[in-house]
Amino acid sequence: MMDADHELFVTVVDEGGLAAAGRRLHISPAMMSKRLSRLEERLGAKLVHRTTRRLALTPAGERLHADLRGILAALDEAERRVTGAAAIAAGPLRVTAPTSFGRMHLAPHLHRFLDAHPQVDLSIDLSDDYVDLIDARVDIAIRIAADPGRSLGARRLADNRRILCAAPDYLARHGAPARLSDLRRHRLLAADGQLPWRLVGPRGPVQVDGRSIVRTNSSEMVRELCLSGAGIALRSLWDVSDALAAGHVRQILPDHQGSADVGLFALWLPQDNLPRTMRVFIDFLAGLYAPVPPWERSAIALAEPSH
């Protein structure tokens, strides 16, 4: 059995504070604080910074929490094997994903996962912010990134191909750029932090600098501005494949695309034994988006000549 104070510490982190953890464990806040302080004194290390509003882990607390979650997962799996429940995914599962991607390419498929695993208590949070898995108490993060980092477990689910595109109305009014240098005289659209664009062309990597005609912190706003004819945007294919198929946007300068190192990842806090609930969801995501994700299949069909 694990030390009871270790389990208390994991609960405090997972619940986001002493009061919530105390309600779950049926322990008074005063006793929760006393036992957490006792654990810190015994280990000779500060584990959490406590304020009136939030709880933040110290580096030592982050390491201990990651190790203890792995141990708890292993104990849970061992008990499930003994009781014959190892083949059943059950219990809470907290997932975060980018807003547009989650709405367009996760939500429509989740009914299949829920039908296959009815005992999973699934919670989905959609956010375009960088989500700290520990602070947000998240099990799995779906993230679009070039480098997921070495501090997390990661599985690459798909490439994230990005293309330059504009609405037909914009191209009719301003003309289509014939070469990359023509972009200097065009209206560019990008959310904060998305410029300069890093592209790959026939001669290798190239960078396009400039400023967005509209300043916004919303990638969804950039998409809608592009569809309305406000300018040229660099968009992920998953975001505009339907608009391409419907003719609402057209790809421009097709020999230049976003850097191929950006991918779609499933990320989790590293642990030796992933709970079955997490494993089946990661496998479910891999089945959705590999080997060829749906938006790539749409683009392939669009590019094929009709007969």
C-alpha atoms as a PDB file:
ATOM      1  CA  MET A   1       0.000   0.000   0.000  1.00  0.00           C
ATOM      2  CA  MET A   2       1.121   3.561  -0.636  1.00  0.00           C
ATOM      3  CA  ASP A   3       1.837   5.996   2.147  1.00  0.00           C
ATOM      4  CA  ALA A   4      -1.467   7.733   2.948  1.00  0.00           C
ATOM      5  CA  ASP A   5       0.189  11.157   2.773  1.00  0.00           C
ATOM      6  CA  HIS A   6       1.408  10.355  -0.750  1.00  0.00           C
ATOM      7  CA  GLU A   7      -2.160   9.627  -1.820  1.00  0.00           C
ATOM      8  CA  LEU A   8      -3.285  12.817  -0.105  1.00  0.00           C
ATOM      9  CA  PHE A   9      -0.683  14.829  -2.050  1.00  0.00           C
ATOM     10  CA  VAL A  10      -1.794  13.352  -5.393  1.00  0.00           C
ATOM     11  CA  THR A  11      -5.415  14.131  -4.561  1.00  0.00           C
ATOM     12  CA  VAL A  12      -4.555  17.734  -3.662  1.00  0.00           C
ATOM     13  CA  VAL A  13      -2.853  18.204  -7.047  1.00  0.00           C
ATOM     14  CA  ASP A  14      -5.565  16.426  -9.029  1.00  0.00           C
ATOM     15  CA  GLU A  15      -8.342  18.427  -7.343  1.00  0.00           C
ATOM     16  CA  GLY A  16      -6.486  21.722  -7.596  1.00  0.00           C
ATOM     17  CA  GLY A  17      -6.481  22.657  -3.916  1.00  0.00           C
ATOM     18  CA  LEU A  18      -6.729  21.588  -0.293  1.00  0.00           C
ATOM     19  CA  ALA A  19     -10.435  22.325   0.112  1.00  0.00           C
ATOM     20  CA  ALA A  20     -11.548  20.309  -2.916  1.00  0.00           C
ATOM     21  CA  ALA A  21      -9.230  17.436  -2.014  1.00  0.00           C
ATOM     22  CA  GLY A  22     -10.502  17.496   1.568  1.00  0.00           C
ATOM     23  CA  ARG A  23     -14.107  17.204   0.363  1.00  0.00           C
ATOM     24  CA  ARG A  24     -13.168  14.220  -1.776  1.00  0.00           C
ATOM     25  CA  LEU A  25     -11.262  12.506   1.050  1.00  0.00           C
ATOM     26  CA  HIS A  26     -13.682  13.643   3.799  1.00  0.00           C
ATOM     27  CA  ILE A  27     -10.861  15.367   5.686  1.00  0.00           C
ATOM     28  CA  SER A  28     -11.030  18.864   7.169  1.00  0.00           C
ATOM     29  CA  PRO A  29      -8.947  21.623   5.494  1.00  0.00           C
ATOM     30  CA  ALA A  30      -6.943  22.063   8.696  1.00  0.00           C
ATOM     31  CA  MET A  31      -5.993  18.383   8.766  1.00  0.00           C
ATOM     32  CA  MET A  32      -5.220  18.436   5.035  1.00  0.00           C
ATOM     33  CA  SER A  33      -2.807  21.331   5.552  1.00  0.00           C
ATOM     34  CA  LYS A  34      -1.223  19.639   8.563  1.00  0.00           C
ATOM     35  CA  ARG A  35      -0.619  16.371   6.716  1.00  0.00           C
ATOM     36  CA  LEU A  36       0.762  18.107   3.618  1.00  0.00           C
ATOM     37  CA  SER A  37       3.174  20.083   5.809  1.00  0.00           C
ATOM     38  CA  ARG A  38       4.152  16.836   7.551  1.00  0.00           C
ATOM     39  CA  LEU A  39       4.964  15.248   4.192  1.00  0.00           C
ATOM     40  CA  GLU A  40       7.067  18.261   3.116  1.00  0.00           C
ATOM     41  CA  GLU A  41       8.942  18.198   6.431  1.00  0.00           C
ATOM     42  CA  ARG A  42       9.605  14.473   6.146  1.00  0.00           C
ATOM     43  CA  LEU A  43      10.905  14.826   2.572  1.00  0.00           C
ATOM     44  CA  GLY A  44      12.847  17.988   3.332  1.00  0.00           C
ATOM     45  CA  ALA A  45      11.396  19.699   0.258  1.00  0.00           C
ATOM     46  CA  LYS A  46       8.713  22.254  -0.498  1.00  0.00           C
ATOM     47  CA  LEU A  47       6.113  20.581  -2.732  1.00  0.00           C
ATOM     48  CA  VAL A  48       3.547  23.312  -3.321  1.00  0.00           C
ATOM     49  CA  HIS A  49       3.223  27.070  -3.190  1.00  0.00           C
ATOM     50  CA  ARG A  50      -0.088  27.848  -1.507  1.00  0.00           C
ATOM     51  CA  THR A  51      -1.998  31.109  -2.025  1.00  0.00           C
ATOM     52  CA  THR A  52      -5.584  32.097  -1.337  1.00  0.00           C
ATOM     53  CA  ARG A  53      -6.500  31.609  -5.000  1.00  0.00           C
ATOM     54  CA  ARG A  54      -4.445  28.735  -6.406  1.00  0.00           C
ATOM     55  CA  LEU A  55      -1.970  25.993  -5.775  1.00  0.00           C
ATOM     56  CA  ALA A  56       1.256  25.751  -7.774  1.00  0.00           C
ATOM     57  CA  LEU A  57       3.693  22.863  -7.709  1.00  0.00           C
ATOM     58  CA  THR A  58       7.384  23.426  -7.076  1.00  0.00           C
ATOM     59  CA  PRO A  59       9.859  21.523  -9.304  1.00  0.00           C
ATOM     60  CA  ALA A  60      10.189  18.934  -6.530  1.00  0.00           C
ATOM     61  CA  GLY A  61       6.399  18.688  -6.321  1.00  0.00           C
ATOM     62  CA  GLU A  62       6.116  18.185 -10.090  1.00  0.00           C
ATOM     63  CA  ARG A  63       8.614  15.311  -9.989  1.00  0.00           C
ATOM     64  CA  LEU A  64       6.942  13.653  -7.024  1.00  0.00           C
ATOM     65  CA  HIS A  65       3.469  14.013  -8.529  1.00  0.00           C
ATOM     66  CA  ALA A  66       4.544  12.460 -11.841  1.00  0.00           C
ATOM     67  CA  ASP A  67       6.239   9.541 -10.047  1.00  0.00           C
ATOM     68  CA  LEU A  68       3.306   8.928  -7.710  1.00  0.00           C
ATOM     69  CA  ARG A  69       0.746   9.003 -10.516  1.00  0.00           C
ATOM     70  CA  GLY A  70       2.746   6.296 -12.272  1.00  0.00           C
ATOM     71  CA  ILE A  71       2.817   4.203  -9.103  1.00  0.00           C
ATOM     72  CA  LEU A  72      -0.910   4.637  -8.534  1.00  0.00           C
ATOM     73  CA  ALA A  73      -1.634   3.666 -12.128  1.00  0.00           C
ATOM     74  CA  ALA A  74       0.492   0.540 -11.747  1.00  0.00           C
ATOM     75  CA  LEU A  75      -1.286  -0.419  -8.513  1.00  0.00           C
ATOM     76  CA  ASP A  76      -4.668   0.128 -10.127  1.00  0.00           C
ATOM     77  CA  GLU A  77      -3.679  -2.001 -13.125  1.00  0.00           C
ATOM     78  CA  ALA A  78      -2.394  -4.759 -10.841  1.00  0.00           C
ATOM     79  CA  GLU A  79      -5.684  -4.859  -8.926  1.00  0.00           C
ATOM     80  CA  ARG A  80      -7.651  -4.889 -12.171  1.00  0.00           C
ATOM     81  CA  ARG A  81      -5.668  -7.875 -13.428  1.00  0.00           C
ATOM     82  CA  VAL A  82      -6.418  -9.776 -10.240  1.00  0.00           C
ATOM     83  CA  THR A  83     -10.118  -8.939 -10.317  1.00  0.00           C
ATOM     84  CA  GLY A  84     -10.429  -9.542 -14.063  1.00  0.00           C
ATOM     85  CA  ALA A  85     -11.279  -5.916 -14.802  1.00  0.00           C
ATOM     86  CA  ALA A  86      -8.071  -5.071 -16.675  1.00  0.00           C
ATOM     87  CA  ALA A  87      -9.797  -5.268 -20.047  1.00  0.00           C
ATOM     88  CA  ILE A  88     -12.320  -2.585 -19.111  1.00  0.00           C
ATOM     89  CA  ALA A  89     -11.575   1.119 -19.485  1.00  0.00           C
ATOM     90  CA  ALA A  90     -13.384   2.959 -16.711  1.00  0.00           C
ATOM     91  CA  GLY A  91     -13.218   6.074 -14.592  1.00  0.00           C
ATOM     92  CA  PRO A  92     -12.549   9.770 -15.239  1.00  0.00           C
ATOM     93  CA  LEU A  93     -10.608  10.914 -18.297  1.00  0.00           C
ATOM     94  CA  ARG A  94      -9.797  14.606 -18.761  1.00  0.00           C
ATOM     95  CA  VAL A  95      -8.819  15.783 -22.244  1.00  0.00           C
ATOM     96  CA  THR A  96      -7.962  19.202 -23.662  1.00  0.00           C
ATOM     97  CA  ALA A  97      -7.787  20.178 -27.341  1.00  0.00           C
ATOM     98  CA  PRO A  98      -7.547  23.332 -29.485  1.00  0.00           C
ATOM     99  CA  THR A  99     -10.953  24.968 -29.892  1.00  0.00           C
ATOM    100  CA  SER A 100     -11.465  24.742 -33.665  1.00  0.00           C
ATOM    101  CA  PHE A 101      -9.816  21.343 -34.016  1.00  0.00           C
ATOM    102  CA  GLY A 102     -11.842  19.898 -31.163  1.00  0.00           C
ATOM    103  CA  ARG A 103     -15.095  21.213 -32.580  1.00  0.00           C
ATOM    104  CA  MET A 104     -14.396  20.104 -36.161  1.00  0.00           C
ATOM    105  CA  HIS A 105     -12.392  16.895 -35.844  1.00  0.00           C
ATOM    106  CA  LEU A 106     -12.892  15.495 -32.347  1.00  0.00           C
ATOM    107  CA  ALA A 107     -16.484  16.128 -31.262  1.00  0.00           C
ATOM    108  CA  PRO A 108     -18.113  14.478 -34.328  1.00  0.00           C
ATOM    109  CA  HIS A 109     -16.342  11.179 -33.566  1.00  0.00           C
ATOM    110  CA  LEU A 110     -16.563  10.927 -29.786  1.00  0.00           C
ATOM    111  CA  HIS A 111     -19.849   9.005 -29.838  1.00  0.00           C
ATOM    112  CA  ARG A 112     -17.918   5.993 -31.168  1.00  0.00           C
ATOM    113  CA  PHE A 113     -15.489   6.102 -28.266  1.00  0.00           C
ATOM    114  CA  LEU A 114     -18.297   6.497 -25.739  1.00  0.00           C
ATOM    115  CA  ASP A 115     -20.251   3.610 -27.274  1.00  0.00           C
ATOM    116  CA  ALA A 116     -17.172   1.377 -27.056  1.00  0.00           C
ATOM    117  CA  HIS A 117     -16.240   2.467 -23.520  1.00  0.00           C
ATOM    118  CA  PRO A 118     -19.432   3.402 -21.654  1.00  0.00           C
ATOM    119  CA  GLN A 119     -17.746   3.306 -18.233  1.00  0.00           C
ATOM    120  CA  VAL A 120     -15.351   6.143 -19.069  1.00  0.00           C
ATOM    121  CA  ASP A 121     -16.332   9.473 -17.510  1.00  0.00           C
ATOM    122  CA  LEU A 122     -15.073  11.772 -20.275  1.00  0.00           C
ATOM    123  CA  SER A 123     -14.413  15.483 -19.780  1.00  0.00           C
ATOM    124  CA  ILE A 124     -13.344  17.672 -22.735  1.00  0.00           C
ATOM    125  CA  ASP A 125     -11.944  21.191 -22.406  1.00  0.00           C
ATOM    126  CA  LEU A 126     -11.450  23.241 -25.571  1.00  0.00           C
ATOM    127  CA  SER A 127      -8.894  26.047 -25.360  1.00  0.00           C
ATOM    128  CA  ASP A 128      -6.386  27.759 -27.625  1.00  0.00           C
ATOM    129  CA  ASP A 129      -4.220  28.621 -24.620  1.00  0.00           C
ATOM    130  CA  TYR A 130      -1.123  26.612 -23.769  1.00  0.00           C
ATOM    131  CA  VAL A 131      -2.500  24.203 -21.167  1.00  0.00           C
ATOM    132  CA  ASP A 132      -0.243  23.050 -18.342  1.00  0.00           C
ATOM    133  CA  LEU A 133      -1.251  19.445 -17.757  1.00  0.00           C
ATOM    134  CA  ILE A 134      -0.448  19.568 -14.047  1.00  0.00           C
ATOM    135  CA  ASP A 135      -2.127  22.887 -13.272  1.00  0.00           C
ATOM    136  CA  ALA A 136      -5.199  21.991 -15.345  1.00  0.00           C
ATOM    137  CA  ARG A 137      -5.317  18.411 -13.981  1.00  0.00           C
ATOM    138  CA  VAL A 138      -5.462  17.060 -17.536  1.00  0.00           C
ATOM    139  CA  ASP A 139      -4.795  13.446 -18.515  1.00  0.00           C
ATOM    140  CA  ILE A 140      -4.321  13.928 -22.275  1.00  0.00           C
ATOM    141  CA  ALA A 141      -3.676  17.068 -24.306  1.00  0.00           C
ATOM    142  CA  ILE A 142      -4.196  17.165 -28.061  1.00  0.00           C
ATOM    143  CA  ARG A 143      -1.715  19.753 -29.270  1.00  0.00           C
ATOM    144  CA  ILE A 144      -0.514  21.099 -32.620  1.00  0.00           C
ATOM    145  CA  ALA A 145       3.173  21.858 -32.291  1.00  0.00           C
ATOM    146  CA  ALA A 146       6.590  21.518 -33.867  1.00  0.00           C
ATOM    147  CA  ASP A 147       8.207  20.121 -30.723  1.00  0.00           C
ATOM    148  CA  PRO A 148       6.072  18.668 -27.929  1.00  0.00           C
ATOM    149  CA  GLY A 149       9.046  18.777 -25.558  1.00  0.00           C
ATOM    150  CA  ARG A 150      10.923  16.051 -23.711  1.00  0.00           C
ATOM    151  CA  SER A 151       9.104  16.522 -20.417  1.00  0.00           C
ATOM    152  CA  LEU A 152       5.913  14.857 -21.699  1.00  0.00           C
ATOM    153  CA  GLY A 153       4.931  11.520 -23.133  1.00  0.00           C
ATOM    154  CA  ALA A 154       3.957  12.014 -26.767  1.00  0.00           C
ATOM    155  CA  ARG A 155       2.436  10.200 -29.740  1.00  0.00           C
ATOM    156  CA  ARG A 156       2.400  11.870 -33.137  1.00  0.00           C
ATOM    157  CA  LEU A 157      -1.076  11.407 -34.575  1.00  0.00           C
ATOM    158  CA  ALA A 158      -0.760  13.160 -37.936  1.00  0.00           C
ATOM    159  CA  ASP A 159       1.159  15.756 -39.911  1.00  0.00           C
ATOM    160  CA  ASN A 160      -0.228  19.280 -39.896  1.00  0.00           C
ATOM    161  CA  ARG A 161       0.006  20.496 -43.483  1.00  0.00           C
ATOM    162  CA  ARG A 162      -0.526  24.261 -43.836  1.00  0.00           C
ATOM    163  CA  ILE A 163      -1.262  26.083 -47.068  1.00  0.00           C
ATOM    164  CA  LEU A 164      -1.528  29.681 -48.248  1.00  0.00           C
ATOM    165  CA  CYS A 165      -5.091  30.484 -49.234  1.00  0.00           C
ATOM    166  CA  ALA A 166      -7.526  33.296 -49.968  1.00  0.00           C
ATOM    167  CA  ALA A 167     -11.178  33.703 -50.894  1.00  0.00           C
ATOM    168  CA  PRO A 168     -12.078  34.027 -54.600  1.00  0.00           C
ATOM    169  CA  ASP A 169     -13.520  37.482 -53.869  1.00  0.00           C
ATOM    170  CA  TYR A 170     -10.176  38.702 -52.493  1.00  0.00           C
ATOM    171  CA  LEU A 171      -8.274  37.278 -55.465  1.00  0.00           C
ATOM    172  CA  ALA A 172     -10.726  38.919 -57.888  1.00  0.00           C
ATOM    173  CA  ARG A 173     -10.174  42.319 -56.276  1.00  0.00           C
ATOM    174  CA  HIS A 174      -6.428  42.144 -55.612  1.00  0.00           C
ATOM    175  CA  GLY A 175      -5.119  39.498 -57.992  1.00  0.00           C
ATOM    176  CA  ALA A 176      -3.344  36.264 -57.130  1.00  0.00           C
ATOM    177  CA  PRO A 177       0.348  36.496 -56.175  1.00  0.00           C
ATOM    178  CA  ALA A 178       2.536  34.829 -58.794  1.00  0.00           C
ATOM    179  CA  ARG A 179       5.603  34.502 -56.574  1.00  0.00           C
ATOM    180  CA  LEU A 180       6.367  34.596 -52.876  1.00  0.00           C
ATOM    181  CA  SER A 181       7.805  38.116 -53.035  1.00  0.00           C
ATOM    182  CA  ASP A 182       4.384  39.379 -54.246  1.00  0.00           C
ATOM    183  CA  LEU A 183       3.007  38.813 -50.742  1.00  0.00           C
ATOM    184  CA  ARG A 184       4.641  42.086 -49.671  1.00  0.00           C
ATOM    185  CA  ARG A 185       1.923  44.036 -51.487  1.00  0.00           C
ATOM    186  CA  HIS A 186      -0.956  41.878 -50.278  1.00  0.00           C
ATOM    187  CA  ARG A 187      -3.076  41.904 -47.144  1.00  0.00           C
ATOM    188  CA  LEU A 188      -1.897  39.197 -44.754  1.00  0.00           C
ATOM    189  CA  LEU A 189      -4.008  37.627 -42.025  1.00  0.00           C
ATOM    190  CA  ALA A 190      -2.527  36.048 -38.907  1.00  0.00           C
ATOM    191  CA  ALA A 191      -3.270  35.802 -35.197  1.00  0.00           C
ATOM    192  CA  ASP A 192      -0.867  37.268 -32.686  1.00  0.00           C
ATOM    193  CA  GLY A 193       2.429  35.387 -32.747  1.00  0.00           C
ATOM    194  CA  GLN A 194       1.788  33.587 -36.052  1.00  0.00           C
ATOM    195  CA  LEU A 195       3.986  35.877 -38.162  1.00  0.00           C
ATOM    196  CA  PRO A 196       6.547  35.532 -39.608  1.00  0.00           C
ATOM    197  CA  TRP A 197       5.415  32.531 -41.634  1.00  0.00           C
ATOM    198  CA  ARG A 198       8.016  29.787 -41.954  1.00  0.00           C
ATOM    199  CA  LEU A 199       7.476  28.003 -45.253  1.00  0.00           C
ATOM    200  CA  VAL A 200       9.195  25.330 -47.278  1.00  0.00           C
ATOM    201  CA  GLY A 201       9.465  25.758 -51.052  1.00  0.00           C
ATOM    202  CA  PRO A 202      11.362  24.262 -53.984  1.00  0.00           C
ATOM    203  CA  ARG A 203      14.589  25.855 -52.724  1.00  0.00           C
ATOM    204  CA  GLY A 204      14.097  24.934 -49.093  1.00  0.00           C
ATOM    205  CA  PRO A 205      12.988  26.901 -46.025  1.00  0.00           C
ATOM    206  CA  VAL A 206      11.938  30.529 -46.450  1.00  0.00           C
ATOM    207  CA  GLN A 207      10.441  33.096 -44.114  1.00  0.00           C
ATOM    208  CA  VAL A 208       7.651  35.559 -44.899  1.00  0.00           C
ATOM    209  CA  ASP A 209       7.560  38.571 -42.609  1.00  0.00           C
ATOM    210  CA  GLY A 210       4.930  41.261 -42.396  1.00  0.00           C
ATOM    211  CA  ARG A 211       2.010  42.379 -40.277  1.00  0.00           C
ATOM    212  CA  SER A 212      -1.574  41.209 -40.196  1.00  0.00           C
ATOM    213  CA  ILE A 213      -4.127  43.610 -41.637  1.00  0.00           C
ATOM    214  CA  VAL A 214      -6.215  42.870 -38.520  1.00  0.00           C
ATOM    215  CA  ARG A 215      -4.747  42.248 -35.079  1.00  0.00           C
ATOM    216  CA  THR A 216      -6.441  39.418 -33.203  1.00  0.00           C
ATOM    217  CA  ASN A 217      -5.635  36.732 -30.658  1.00  0.00           C
ATOM    218  CA  SER A 218      -8.096  34.330 -32.299  1.00  0.00           C
ATOM    219  CA  SER A 219      -7.151  31.844 -34.984  1.00  0.00           C
ATOM    220  CA  GLU A 220     -10.866  31.297 -35.642  1.00  0.00           C
ATOM    221  CA  MET A 221     -11.202  35.022 -36.362  1.00  0.00           C
ATOM    222  CA  VAL A 222      -8.381  34.721 -38.932  1.00  0.00           C
ATOM    223  CA  ARG A 223     -10.219  31.851 -40.625  1.00  0.00           C
ATOM    224  CA  GLU A 224     -13.461  33.824 -40.872  1.00  0.00           C
ATOM    225  CA  LEU A 225     -11.633  36.918 -42.153  1.00  0.00           C
ATOM    226  CA  CYS A 226      -9.989  34.799 -44.833  1.00  0.00           C
ATOM    227  CA  LEU A 227     -13.319  33.259 -45.883  1.00  0.00           C
ATOM    228  CA  SER A 228     -14.894  36.717 -46.086  1.00  0.00           C
ATOM    229  CA  GLY A 229     -12.232  37.980 -48.526  1.00  0.00           C
ATOM    230  CA  ALA A 230     -10.193  40.151 -46.152  1.00  0.00           C
ATOM    231  CA  GLY A 231      -6.793  38.780 -47.113  1.00  0.00           C
ATOM    232  CA  ILE A 232      -4.357  35.870 -47.464  1.00  0.00           C
ATOM    233  CA  ALA A 233      -3.819  33.414 -44.611  1.00  0.00           C
ATOM    234  CA  LEU A 234      -1.621  30.427 -43.822  1.00  0.00           C
ATOM    235  CA  ARG A 235      -4.090  27.823 -42.617  1.00  0.00           C
ATOM    236  CA  SER A 236      -3.900  24.213 -41.538  1.00  0.00           C
ATOM    237  CA  LEU A 237      -5.469  21.884 -44.055  1.00  0.00           C
ATOM    238  CA  TRP A 238      -7.714  20.420 -41.354  1.00  0.00           C
ATOM    239  CA  ASP A 239      -9.128  23.910 -40.879  1.00  0.00           C
ATOM    240  CA  VAL A 240      -9.931  24.750 -44.520  1.00  0.00           C
ATOM    241  CA  SER A 241     -10.296  21.445 -46.385  1.00  0.00           C
ATOM    242  CA  ASP A 242     -14.104  21.756 -46.432  1.00  0.00           C
ATOM    243  CA  ALA A 243     -13.868  25.383 -47.602  1.00  0.00           C
ATOM    244  CA  LEU A 244     -11.452  24.326 -50.341  1.00  0.00           C
ATOM    245  CA  ALA A 245     -13.793  21.579 -51.506  1.00  0.00           C
ATOM    246  CA  ALA A 246     -16.719  24.020 -51.571  1.00  0.00           C
ATOM    247  CA  GLY A 247     -14.728  26.677 -53.439  1.00  0.00           C
ATOM    248  CA  HIS A 248     -14.961  29.201 -50.606  1.00  0.00           C
ATOM    249  CA  VAL A 249     -11.156  29.543 -50.561  1.00  0.00           C
ATOM    250  CA  ARG A 250      -8.442  28.744 -53.087  1.00  0.00           C
ATOM    251  CA  GLN A 251      -4.904  27.642 -52.493  1.00  0.00           C
ATOM    252  CA  ILE A 252      -2.271  30.076 -53.751  1.00  0.00           C
ATOM    253  CA  LEU A 253       1.447  29.545 -54.339  1.00  0.00           C
ATOM    254  CA  PRO A 254       1.022  25.767 -53.965  1.00  0.00           C
ATOM    255  CA  ASP A 255       4.786  25.155 -54.211  1.00  0.00           C
ATOM    256  CA  HIS A 256       5.165  26.786 -50.784  1.00  0.00           C
ATOM    257  CA  GLN A 257       3.642  25.276 -47.642  1.00  0.00           C
ATOM    258  CA  GLY A 258       4.090  25.503 -43.902  1.00  0.00           C
ATOM    259  CA  SER A 259       7.045  23.705 -42.366  1.00  0.00           C
ATOM    260  CA  ALA A 260       6.418  19.955 -42.206  1.00  0.00           C
ATOM    261  CA  ASP A 261       7.841  19.610 -38.693  1.00  0.00           C
ATOM    262  CA  VAL A 262       4.553  20.825 -37.186  1.00  0.00           C
ATOM    263  CA  GLY A 263       2.376  17.882 -36.215  1.00  0.00           C
ATOM    264  CA  LEU A 264      -0.702  16.807 -34.285  1.00  0.00           C
ATOM    265  CA  PHE A 265       0.240  15.144 -30.992  1.00  0.00           C
ATOM    266  CA  ALA A 266      -1.378  13.411 -28.054  1.00  0.00           C
ATOM    267  CA  LEU A 267       0.548  14.386 -24.909  1.00  0.00           C
ATOM    268  CA  TRP A 268       0.463  13.154 -21.320  1.00  0.00           C
ATOM    269  CA  LEU A 269       2.492  13.350 -18.135  1.00  0.00           C
ATOM    270  CA  PRO A 270       5.221  10.688 -18.271  1.00  0.00           C
ATOM    271  CA  GLN A 271       4.546   7.570 -16.236  1.00  0.00           C
ATOM    272  CA  ASP A 272       5.695   3.980 -16.491  1.00  0.00           C
ATOM    273  CA  ASN A 273       2.235   2.444 -16.716  1.00  0.00           C
ATOM    274  CA  LEU A 274      -0.454   4.435 -18.494  1.00  0.00           C
ATOM    275  CA  PRO A 275      -3.948   3.707 -17.155  1.00  0.00           C
ATOM    276  CA  ARG A 276      -6.008   1.664 -19.578  1.00  0.00           C
ATOM    277  CA  THR A 277      -8.487   4.520 -19.958  1.00  0.00           C
ATOM    278  CA  MET A 278      -5.729   6.762 -21.310  1.00  0.00           C
ATOM    279  CA  ARG A 279      -4.292   4.034 -23.541  1.00  0.00           C
ATOM    280  CA  VAL A 280      -7.596   3.261 -25.246  1.00  0.00           C
ATOM    281  CA  PHE A 281      -8.287   6.954 -25.886  1.00  0.00           C
ATOM    282  CA  ILE A 282      -4.837   7.520 -27.401  1.00  0.00           C
ATOM    283  CA  ASP A 283      -5.347   4.444 -29.587  1.00  0.00           C
ATOM    284  CA  PHE A 284      -8.769   5.806 -30.566  1.00  0.00           C
ATOM    285  CA  LEU A 285      -7.174   9.107 -31.667  1.00  0.00           C
ATOM    286  CA  ALA A 286      -4.499   7.274 -33.647  1.00  0.00           C
ATOM    287  CA  GLY A 287      -7.205   5.301 -35.424  1.00  0.00           C
ATOM    288  CA  LEU A 288      -9.046   8.506 -36.308  1.00  0.00           C
ATOM    289  CA  TYR A 289      -6.115  10.371 -37.817  1.00  0.00           C
ATOM    290  CA  ALA A 290      -3.716   7.720 -39.120  1.00  0.00           C
ATOM    291  CA  PRO A 291      -2.426   6.719 -41.568  1.00  0.00           C
ATOM    292  CA  VAL A 292      -4.197   9.461 -43.562  1.00  0.00           C
ATOM    293  CA  PRO A 293      -6.367  11.943 -41.621  1.00  0.00           C
ATOM    294  CA  PRO A 294      -9.833  12.800 -42.993  1.00  0.00           C
ATOM    295  CA  TRP A 295      -8.841  16.319 -44.082  1.00  0.00           C
ATOM    296  CA  GLU A 296      -5.934  14.941 -46.135  1.00  0.00           C
ATOM    297  CA  ARG A 297      -8.268  12.449 -47.815  1.00  0.00           C
ATOM    298  CA  SER A 298     -10.515  15.366 -48.787  1.00  0.00           C
ATOM    299  CA  ALA A 299      -7.557  17.235 -50.258  1.00  0.00           C
ATOM    300  CA  ILE A 300      -6.408  14.165 -52.202  1.00  0.00           C
ATOM    301  CA  ALA A 301      -9.908  13.696 -53.641  1.00  0.00           C
ATOM    302  CA  LEU A 302     -10.027  17.372 -54.577  1.00  0.00           C
ATOM    303  CA  ALA A 303      -6.695  17.169 -56.393  1.00  0.00           C
ATOM    304  CA  GLU A 304      -7.610  14.065 -58.377  1.00  0.00           C
ATOM    305  CA  PRO A 305      -8.863  14.802 -61.921  1.00  0.00           C
ATOM    306  CA  SER A 306     -12.505  14.014 -62.553  1.00  0.00           C
ATOM    307  CA  HIS A 307     -13.423  11.520 -65.256  1.00  0.00           C
END
